[in-house]
Amino acid sequence: MAGRNAEWCTIESDPGVFTELINKIGVKGVQVEEIYDLEQKNLDALDPVYGLILLFKWVKEKDDGKRPGIEDVPDVFFAKQVITNACATQAIISILMNRPEIDLGKELQDFKSFAQACDAEMRGVLIGNSPTIQKAHNSFRRPEPFVFEQKGATEDDDVYHFIGYVPVNGCLYELDGLKQGPILLGDCTLENWLQKVRPAIQERMNRYSAAEIRFALLAVCKNRKEVYEAKLGKVKGRITQLQAKYQKASEGKAGDAMDVSDDDLPSSPAELVASLTAAGAEEKALEDSIKVEEAKHKKWEVENIRRKHNYVPFVFNLLKVLAEKGKLPEIVEKAQQSAATRQSARDAAKKKEAEKGKSKPASSSSSSSSGSSGADKPK
């Protein structure tokens, strides 16, 4: 599969990148958000969450035999990773395929219908050979005006891997394309699976010390603007009902026949005013949230354009002008001094960390939840 591997670029682990990638595949109403800690309130704020993706610095696991039993579950869409650089996209695809409420779009729905009957190995091959998925993935290829010799990753290189967590038919699964199949983590419901998944993610993080590894946690969730717009529609409907009832109460018609839909509304004018005030505040908050989402998606759009832009001609001409004006030697010298200062700081930090590690018991460990990369484990 070396030829196919070369055709899949590395992509940055970023919510804006993954959200655009999902849209390019044809999926409707889904976006990706980064989660900075495992507090339940942060997970609940993104409801509904379709699945979680964990990015971590890959190291060879020494306890594979202690992992939960690998399950062969026909109802779970699971694909083995056979394409290097594709694990981020594959983790996203696996979550999308396992949540039937998501509008996959015609092309991905047809792909799912065809691939569902295949084994995990063949599904991985099919993903690698899907023009739609590959084109969406490679749309984030950085312009490379220079050709560099490619080499395989070594043990000293930092390589990163993505795995997914998703509920399917009352069970919680870990989806790791490097495994033989989905890993059953336990029973769950659509209401409590986020509570159930937290210990599993924390357990994986706790295997590594903060000096060894970095993490990023991403949620595949419903488009937030659509969520807020749906809530806003309900709030506006309630405001209309409250205003109508308040009007009747003000005219002394509170005893008149009311619609059944009025049954859950307050009856006294004072209560109606309080409810209208609260509903108005909620309406304003939702409108503000919609504006925030619109601004965020616009920012993502601009950032993605910049990611794909070729800045080499601009840099070349800038250096040319600086050289003509005699400014280049001075700038190069300052850059070298700055680089030396940063390297000294990194060396000092490493030395301090090494001394700190020697002073701790060998069994001590800690976890971290930061960092991002698009690189995969080497094949």
Foldseek 3Di string as FASTA:
>chain_A
DVVLQVLFDFFWPDQLLVQQLQVLLPWPFKTKDWDADLPPVSVVVQPPFLKKKKKKFDDDDPVVVVAFDFDDDLLQDAAAAPHFLCQVVRQVLRSQLQDVVIRNHDVSVVLSVVCSVDARHVNNVVCSVDPSSRVSRCLLPADDPDDDDDDFDDPPDGFMGMWMWGDHPQWIWIHGNNDRHIGTQGGDDSVCVSVSCVVVVVVVQFVAFAVPMEMIMMTIGGQVLVVLVVVLVVLVVVLVLLVVLLVCVVVVNLVPDDDPVCPPPDRDNVRSVVSNVVSVVSNVVSVVVNVVSVVVSVVSVVVSVVSHDDCVVVVVVVLVVCVVVVNVVVVVVVVVVVVVVVVVVVVVVVVVVVVVCVVDPPPDHDGYYDDMISGHDTD
